[in-house]
Amino acid sequence: MTAVSMVLTLAVVVMWLGGSMPTLVALVVGLGIDGGWLATLAYERRLAAQGDHNRIVTGTGWFFGLIATAVLIAHALGEESPGAWLAVAWLPLAAKALWLVHGLWEQTALTPGALASIHGIRQEARDEAAVARARLRAEATTEETRLTAVTAAGARVARVQARTAKSLSKAWSTLETTRAGEDTSRALTCVTSRVTPDVTPTWELPVWGPVEPVSPFALEPGPALTDAELDRLVDDIRHSETPSLSYREMAARFRAAGHSASEVRLRAAWKRVA
């Protein structure tokens, strides 16, 4: 584009000034404009290669470009059909702008080694991102599966609890109906009167719900009895009534009195006393 602009500028200067001065003079003028532009352009490129920059040289180059553009526009305006010449009048400025862009590109140019390193770094980053995405997807799938399993197990537990509560409610309703029936009292009176005359205990429903906690002291075993103490207690309980109590009755009263002893020791003491 620079070469085309210089040829157009030289041709226009020769045609423009050829009628008022010798052709050689017009050619020298045109070459002067193109030579000045080319000289400033070459010097600017040399400074750019050294990493330097000079505003005066850059301004001079733009000045010659503007002169070439002005010459083309002035020539176009003097022609009968200026469209063609106006269409190429922008070439000098466009060529200068392209040289500027090329200079900026050179300032950011990298060596093949640096480009390979950058490519490797970007590829490694893409690989790490892909691995991270795959790990996140796998963890999300695992978590979804776990939540599904937990939800299904919770639903099964809820269904079992619902069936159990329904069965308990039916059983409780049956107990309540039986307790409130007219024949229940007569049946209980018929059974208990033979065991304990003139006593008709009330049949209470089992406790279903919160109860008072048992004191931990009530669960602590008492001190172990010696054989002599055990023999004395067994003998006292055995002869507490006349006739003497049987082993089963003695054992029941022994434990009702709050004493503690294993069945083996209690039976051995009974044999010794009896």
Protein backbone atom coordinates (compact mmCIF):
# COMPACT_ATOMS: atom_id res chain seq x y z
CA MET A 1 0.00 0.00 0.00
CA THR A 2 2.93 2.34 0.65
CA ALA A 3 4.38 1.65 -2.81
CA VAL A 4 1.00 2.21 -4.48
CA SER A 5 0.58 5.50 -2.58
CA MET A 6 4.04 6.69 -3.65
CA VAL A 7 3.37 5.84 -7.32
CA LEU A 8 0.00 7.61 -7.24
CA THR A 9 1.49 10.67 -5.54
CA LEU A 10 4.37 10.87 -8.04
CA ALA A 11 1.98 10.49 -10.99
CA VAL A 12 -0.38 13.15 -9.70
CA VAL A 13 2.45 15.62 -9.03
CA VAL A 14 3.88 15.10 -12.52
CA MET A 15 0.46 15.51 -14.16
CA TRP A 16 -0.46 18.46 -11.95
CA LEU A 17 2.78 20.42 -12.30
CA GLY A 18 3.71 19.22 -15.81
CA GLY A 19 1.78 22.04 -17.49
CA SER A 20 3.40 24.85 -15.50
CA MET A 21 6.99 23.60 -15.26
CA PRO A 22 9.25 21.10 -17.02
CA THR A 23 8.45 17.45 -16.47
CA LEU A 24 11.79 16.76 -14.84
CA VAL A 25 11.14 19.46 -12.24
CA ALA A 26 7.70 18.03 -11.53
CA LEU A 27 9.28 14.58 -11.24
CA VAL A 28 11.84 15.90 -8.74
CA VAL A 29 9.07 17.48 -6.68
CA GLY A 30 7.12 14.21 -6.63
CA LEU A 31 10.20 12.19 -5.75
CA GLY A 32 10.99 14.69 -3.01
CA ILE A 33 7.63 14.14 -1.38
CA ASP A 34 7.88 10.35 -1.69
CA GLY A 35 11.55 10.34 -0.66
CA GLY A 36 10.87 12.38 2.46
CA TRP A 37 8.02 10.09 3.42
CA LEU A 38 10.12 6.98 2.79
CA ALA A 39 13.10 8.39 4.71
CA THR A 40 11.04 9.25 7.80
CA LEU A 41 9.34 5.86 7.59
CA ALA A 42 12.68 4.01 7.41
CA TYR A 43 14.11 6.01 10.32
CA GLU A 44 11.02 5.37 12.41
CA ARG A 45 11.27 1.64 11.71
CA ARG A 46 14.94 1.70 12.75
CA LEU A 47 14.07 3.38 16.05
CA ALA A 48 11.28 0.89 16.62
CA ALA A 49 13.70 -2.01 16.05
CA GLN A 50 15.97 -0.54 18.75
CA GLY A 51 13.05 -0.12 21.13
CA ASP A 52 13.10 3.69 20.85
CA HIS A 53 10.51 6.19 19.78
CA ASN A 54 10.78 9.79 18.54
CA ARG A 55 7.67 11.95 18.31
CA ILE A 56 9.29 14.36 15.83
CA VAL A 57 10.02 11.57 13.36
CA THR A 58 6.55 10.16 13.78
CA GLY A 59 4.98 13.59 13.28
CA THR A 60 7.09 14.18 10.18
CA GLY A 61 5.94 10.88 8.70
CA TRP A 62 2.29 11.79 9.29
CA PHE A 63 3.00 15.21 7.77
CA PHE A 64 4.27 13.67 4.52
CA GLY A 65 1.29 11.33 4.48
CA LEU A 66 -1.07 14.27 4.83
CA ILE A 67 0.73 16.10 2.00
CA ALA A 68 0.33 13.07 -0.28
CA THR A 69 -3.35 12.79 0.61
CA ALA A 70 -3.88 16.53 0.04
CA VAL A 71 -2.19 16.29 -3.39
CA LEU A 72 -4.47 13.42 -4.40
CA ILE A 73 -7.60 15.24 -3.17
CA ALA A 74 -6.62 18.50 -4.90
CA HIS A 75 -5.99 16.64 -8.15
CA ALA A 76 -9.32 14.80 -7.83
CA LEU A 77 -11.22 18.05 -7.33
CA GLY A 78 -9.72 19.46 -10.55
CA GLU A 79 -10.83 16.50 -12.65
CA GLU A 80 -14.16 16.20 -14.42
CA SER A 81 -14.85 12.82 -12.76
CA PRO A 82 -13.16 13.01 -9.35
CA GLY A 83 -14.68 9.79 -8.00
CA ALA A 84 -11.79 7.50 -9.02
CA TRP A 85 -9.10 9.79 -7.62
CA LEU A 86 -11.02 10.43 -4.40
CA ALA A 87 -11.35 6.67 -4.00
CA VAL A 88 -7.53 6.31 -3.75
CA ALA A 89 -6.87 9.56 -1.86
CA TRP A 90 -6.96 7.76 1.49
CA LEU A 91 -4.19 5.29 0.60
CA PRO A 92 -1.23 7.35 2.02
CA LEU A 93 -2.88 7.75 5.43
CA ALA A 94 -4.03 4.12 5.39
CA ALA A 95 -0.48 2.97 4.62
CA LYS A 96 0.89 5.04 7.51
CA ALA A 97 -1.78 3.60 9.85
CA LEU A 98 -0.87 0.05 8.80
CA TRP A 99 2.79 0.73 9.57
CA LEU A 100 1.68 1.90 13.02
CA VAL A 101 -0.34 -1.25 13.57
CA HIS A 102 2.60 -3.35 12.42
CA GLY A 103 4.83 -1.59 14.93
CA LEU A 104 2.39 -2.37 17.72
CA TRP A 105 2.31 -6.00 16.62
CA GLU A 106 6.10 -6.18 16.72
CA GLN A 107 6.08 -4.80 20.26
CA THR A 108 3.85 -7.68 21.38
CA ALA A 109 5.50 -10.40 19.28
CA LEU A 110 6.81 -13.43 21.20
CA THR A 111 9.39 -16.06 20.45
CA PRO A 112 8.31 -19.61 19.50
CA GLY A 113 9.52 -20.88 22.88
CA ALA A 114 7.37 -18.36 24.74
CA LEU A 115 4.39 -19.21 22.55
CA ALA A 116 4.90 -22.92 23.25
CA SER A 117 5.08 -22.22 26.99
CA ILE A 118 1.89 -20.17 26.86
CA HIS A 119 0.18 -22.92 24.88
CA GLY A 120 1.28 -25.49 27.45
CA ILE A 121 0.08 -23.37 30.37
CA ARG A 122 -3.30 -22.78 28.74
CA GLN A 123 -3.64 -26.47 27.91
CA GLU A 124 -2.78 -27.41 31.50
CA ALA A 125 -5.36 -24.94 32.79
CA ARG A 126 -7.98 -26.42 30.45
CA ASP A 127 -7.09 -29.93 31.63
CA GLU A 128 -7.37 -28.93 35.29
CA ALA A 129 -10.71 -27.23 34.64
CA ALA A 130 -12.03 -30.33 32.85
CA VAL A 131 -10.89 -32.59 35.70
CA ALA A 132 -12.48 -30.26 38.27
CA ARG A 133 -15.76 -30.24 36.34
CA ALA A 134 -15.73 -34.05 36.10
CA ARG A 135 -15.01 -34.34 39.84
CA LEU A 136 -17.85 -31.95 40.67
CA ARG A 137 -20.25 -33.86 38.44
CA ALA A 138 -19.24 -37.16 40.05
CA GLU A 139 -19.63 -35.75 43.56
CA ALA A 140 -23.02 -34.30 42.63
CA THR A 141 -24.13 -37.67 41.25
CA THR A 142 -22.91 -39.48 44.37
CA GLU A 143 -24.66 -36.99 46.63
CA GLU A 144 -27.86 -37.33 44.62
CA THR A 145 -27.69 -41.13 44.89
CA ARG A 146 -27.06 -40.93 48.64
CA LEU A 147 -29.94 -38.53 49.16
CA THR A 148 -32.22 -40.78 47.13
CA ALA A 149 -31.23 -43.81 49.21
CA VAL A 150 -31.67 -41.91 52.49
CA THR A 151 -35.05 -40.59 51.38
CA ALA A 152 -36.22 -44.06 50.36
CA ALA A 153 -35.04 -45.53 53.68
CA GLY A 154 -36.79 -42.73 55.59
CA ALA A 155 -39.98 -43.36 53.64
CA ARG A 156 -39.81 -47.08 54.50
CA VAL A 157 -39.27 -46.29 58.19
CA ALA A 158 -42.18 -43.86 58.13
CA ARG A 159 -44.45 -46.48 56.56
CA VAL A 160 -43.43 -49.08 59.16
CA GLN A 161 -44.03 -46.60 61.98
CA ALA A 162 -47.42 -45.73 60.52
CA ARG A 163 -48.42 -49.40 60.34
CA THR A 164 -47.13 -49.99 63.89
CA ALA A 165 -49.04 -46.98 65.22
CA LYS A 166 -52.17 -48.20 63.46
CA SER A 167 -51.80 -51.67 64.98
CA LEU A 168 -51.18 -50.21 68.44
CA SER A 169 -54.19 -47.96 68.16
CA LYS A 170 -56.36 -50.92 67.19
CA ALA A 171 -55.01 -52.98 70.09
CA TRP A 172 -55.54 -50.09 72.50
CA SER A 173 -59.07 -49.62 71.24
CA THR A 174 -59.74 -53.32 71.79
CA LEU A 175 -58.37 -53.12 75.37
CA GLU A 176 -60.46 -50.06 76.09
CA THR A 177 -63.58 -51.72 74.68
CA THR A 178 -62.92 -54.86 76.71
CA ARG A 179 -62.29 -52.89 79.89
CA ALA A 180 -65.48 -50.90 79.45
CA GLY A 181 -67.60 -53.99 78.74
CA GLU A 182 -70.16 -55.21 81.23
CA ASP A 183 -68.90 -58.80 81.24
CA THR A 184 -65.34 -57.78 82.06
CA SER A 185 -66.06 -56.80 85.67
CA ARG A 186 -68.00 -59.99 86.31
CA ALA A 187 -65.23 -62.09 84.83
CA LEU A 188 -62.59 -60.38 86.96
CA THR A 189 -64.75 -60.65 90.07
CA CYS A 190 -65.30 -64.34 89.39
CA VAL A 191 -61.58 -64.94 89.11
CA THR A 192 -60.28 -62.78 91.93
CA SER A 193 -62.92 -63.68 94.49
CA ARG A 194 -61.59 -67.20 94.70
CA VAL A 195 -58.12 -65.99 95.50
CA THR A 196 -58.89 -63.05 97.76
CA PRO A 197 -62.43 -62.97 99.14
CA ASP A 198 -64.26 -59.64 99.28
CA VAL A 199 -61.60 -57.99 97.05
CA THR A 200 -62.39 -56.91 93.50
CA PRO A 201 -59.41 -55.02 92.10
CA THR A 202 -59.93 -52.57 89.26
CA TRP A 203 -58.40 -53.61 85.99
CA GLU A 204 -56.28 -50.69 84.81
CA LEU A 205 -55.00 -50.37 81.28
CA PRO A 206 -51.23 -50.61 80.77
CA VAL A 207 -49.36 -47.35 80.75
CA TRP A 208 -48.66 -46.16 77.22
CA GLY A 209 -46.80 -42.91 77.17
CA PRO A 210 -44.31 -40.95 79.28
CA VAL A 211 -43.60 -42.39 82.71
CA GLU A 212 -41.63 -41.12 85.67
CA PRO A 213 -37.97 -42.13 85.48
CA VAL A 214 -36.75 -44.65 87.99
CA SER A 215 -34.27 -43.33 90.50
CA PRO A 216 -30.78 -44.68 89.90
CA PHE A 217 -30.51 -45.53 93.60
CA ALA A 218 -33.38 -47.97 93.24
CA LEU A 219 -31.41 -49.95 90.68
CA GLU A 220 -28.22 -50.21 92.72
CA PRO A 221 -27.82 -53.60 94.36
CA GLY A 222 -27.46 -53.74 98.12
CA PRO A 223 -24.51 -55.22 99.94
CA ALA A 224 -24.14 -58.98 99.55
CA LEU A 225 -25.32 -61.08 102.51
CA THR A 226 -23.04 -63.58 104.15
CA ASP A 227 -24.07 -67.19 104.44
CA ALA A 228 -24.78 -66.79 108.14
CA GLU A 229 -26.97 -63.73 107.61
CA LEU A 230 -28.73 -65.43 104.71
CA ASP A 231 -29.39 -68.54 106.83
CA ARG A 232 -30.78 -66.40 109.64
CA LEU A 233 -33.11 -64.48 107.33
CA VAL A 234 -34.35 -67.64 105.62
CA ASP A 235 -35.01 -69.30 108.99
CA ASP A 236 -36.86 -66.23 110.34
CA ILE A 237 -39.08 -65.95 107.26
CA ARG A 238 -39.71 -69.71 107.20
CA HIS A 239 -40.94 -69.79 110.81
CA SER A 240 -42.82 -66.47 110.61
CA GLU A 241 -46.09 -68.40 110.26
CA THR A 242 -47.45 -71.68 111.40
CA PRO A 243 -47.20 -74.06 109.69
CA SER A 244 -43.78 -73.25 108.23
CA LEU A 245 -43.71 -71.63 104.83
CA SER A 246 -42.74 -73.46 101.71
CA TYR A 247 -39.64 -72.51 99.77
CA ARG A 248 -41.63 -70.66 97.13
CA GLU A 249 -43.52 -68.59 99.71
CA MET A 250 -40.32 -67.93 101.67
CA ALA A 251 -38.50 -66.78 98.52
CA ALA A 252 -41.35 -64.44 97.58
CA ARG A 253 -41.39 -62.83 101.03
CA PHE A 254 -37.58 -62.69 101.05
CA ARG A 255 -37.48 -60.65 97.89
CA ALA A 256 -40.56 -58.60 98.86
CA ALA A 257 -38.69 -57.51 101.99
CA GLY A 258 -36.00 -55.98 99.77
CA HIS A 259 -33.31 -58.58 100.29
CA SER A 260 -31.14 -59.70 97.40
CA ALA A 261 -29.52 -63.07 96.78
CA SER A 262 -29.09 -65.39 93.85
CA GLU A 263 -31.44 -68.32 93.41
CA VAL A 264 -28.57 -70.77 93.96
CA ARG A 265 -27.51 -69.23 97.30
CA LEU A 266 -31.11 -68.85 98.46
CA ARG A 267 -31.89 -72.51 97.73
CA ALA A 268 -28.63 -73.62 99.40
CA ALA A 269 -29.54 -71.61 102.52
CA TRP A 270 -33.03 -73.19 102.50
CA LYS A 271 -31.47 -76.66 102.43
CA ARG A 272 -29.15 -75.80 105.29
CA VAL A 273 -31.94 -74.39 107.47
CA ALA A 274 -34.53 -77.01 106.60
